[in-house]
Amino acid sequence: MQIDRLETRKRELAESVTLRESIFKSRSTLAASGGYAGLAGTAKMDRMKVVAAKTRLQQYARQQAEELAALRREADRLRKRSYPAFDT
């Protein structure tokens, strides 16, 4: 039961990481193509907001990746405890 919950949580986090990576890639593509260039007036503030949002998303994706790795380790530990391997 606990392994099933961990597997479900792992899947959810993997989907979330994938979504955030695609958002990051699309924003990077827009910025690289000059999508943010040529804005008048508050262009610097807008660019700063974009950079701040990008940084937050990267940090959040990194945290989720670390949590996913921890959940994988925990699932492996539980699996090994439930099904011990005997050295031959």
Protein backbone atom coordinates (compact mmCIF):
# COMPACT_ATOMS: atom_id res chain seq x y z
CA MET A 1 0.00 0.00 0.00
CA GLN A 2 2.72 2.45 0.90
CA ILE A 3 4.68 1.49 -2.20
CA ASP A 4 1.59 2.15 -4.35
CA ARG A 5 1.20 5.62 -2.82
CA LEU A 6 4.87 6.35 -3.43
CA GLU A 7 4.61 5.16 -7.01
CA THR A 8 1.55 7.36 -7.56
CA ARG A 9 3.31 10.37 -6.02
CA LYS A 10 6.38 9.65 -8.15
CA ARG A 11 4.25 9.63 -11.31
CA GLU A 12 2.55 12.89 -10.32
CA LEU A 13 5.89 14.58 -9.67
CA ALA A 14 7.34 13.30 -12.92
CA GLU A 15 4.39 14.78 -14.82
CA SER A 16 4.79 18.07 -12.98
CA VAL A 17 8.51 18.21 -13.75
CA THR A 18 7.81 17.48 -17.42
CA LEU A 19 5.20 20.26 -17.55
CA ARG A 20 7.52 22.76 -15.90
CA GLU A 21 10.37 21.83 -18.23
CA SER A 22 8.13 22.42 -21.25
CA ILE A 23 7.11 25.82 -19.84
CA PHE A 24 10.74 26.68 -19.28
CA LYS A 25 11.68 25.61 -22.81
CA SER A 26 8.85 27.59 -24.39
CA ARG A 27 9.80 30.71 -22.44
CA SER A 28 13.45 30.26 -23.37
CA THR A 29 12.50 29.91 -27.02
CA LEU A 30 10.38 33.06 -26.88
CA ALA A 31 13.16 35.04 -25.22
CA ALA A 32 15.78 33.75 -27.68
CA SER A 33 13.64 34.66 -30.67
CA GLY A 34 13.36 38.23 -29.48
CA GLY A 35 9.84 37.92 -28.20
CA TYR A 36 10.69 40.14 -25.26
CA ALA A 37 12.76 42.60 -27.29
CA GLY A 38 11.33 45.83 -28.53
CA LEU A 39 8.96 46.39 -25.63
CA ALA A 40 8.60 50.05 -24.81
CA GLY A 41 8.37 51.75 -21.44
CA THR A 42 8.54 49.09 -18.75
CA ALA A 43 10.54 46.64 -20.81
CA LYS A 44 13.22 46.34 -18.14
CA MET A 45 10.65 45.65 -15.42
CA ASP A 46 8.87 43.11 -17.62
CA ARG A 47 12.15 41.40 -18.41
CA MET A 48 13.05 41.35 -14.72
CA LYS A 49 9.68 39.74 -13.93
CA VAL A 50 10.29 37.12 -16.60
CA VAL A 51 13.74 36.35 -15.23
CA ALA A 52 12.38 36.13 -11.68
CA ALA A 53 9.55 33.82 -12.77
CA LYS A 54 12.00 31.68 -14.74
CA THR A 55 14.28 31.41 -11.71
CA ARG A 56 11.38 30.44 -9.45
CA LEU A 57 10.24 27.78 -11.93
CA GLN A 58 13.75 26.39 -12.23
CA GLN A 59 14.09 26.24 -8.46
CA TYR A 60 10.69 24.60 -8.10
CA ALA A 61 11.51 22.03 -10.81
CA ARG A 62 14.84 21.32 -9.10
CA GLN A 63 13.09 20.80 -5.74
CA GLN A 64 10.57 18.47 -7.34
CA ALA A 65 13.33 16.51 -9.05
CA GLU A 66 15.08 16.11 -5.69
CA GLU A 67 11.83 15.01 -4.05
CA LEU A 68 11.23 12.54 -6.88
CA ALA A 69 14.71 11.08 -6.38
CA ALA A 70 14.07 10.76 -2.64
CA LEU A 71 10.76 9.01 -3.31
CA ARG A 72 12.48 6.61 -5.70
CA ARG A 73 15.10 5.81 -3.07
CA GLU A 74 12.38 5.30 -0.47
CA ALA A 75 10.39 3.03 -2.81
CA ASP A 76 13.53 0.99 -3.52
CA ARG A 77 14.28 0.74 0.19
CA LEU A 78 10.74 -0.45 0.92
CA ARG A 79 10.85 -2.90 -1.96
CA LYS A 80 14.14 -4.33 -0.72
CA ARG A 81 12.71 -4.64 2.76
CA SER A 82 9.61 -6.40 1.45
CA TYR A 83 11.49 -8.64 -0.98
CA PRO A 84 15.02 -9.24 0.39
CA ALA A 85 17.68 -10.42 -2.01
CA PHE A 86 19.81 -13.26 -0.73
CA ASP A 87 23.48 -13.32 -1.70
CA THR A 88 24.50 -16.57 -3.34
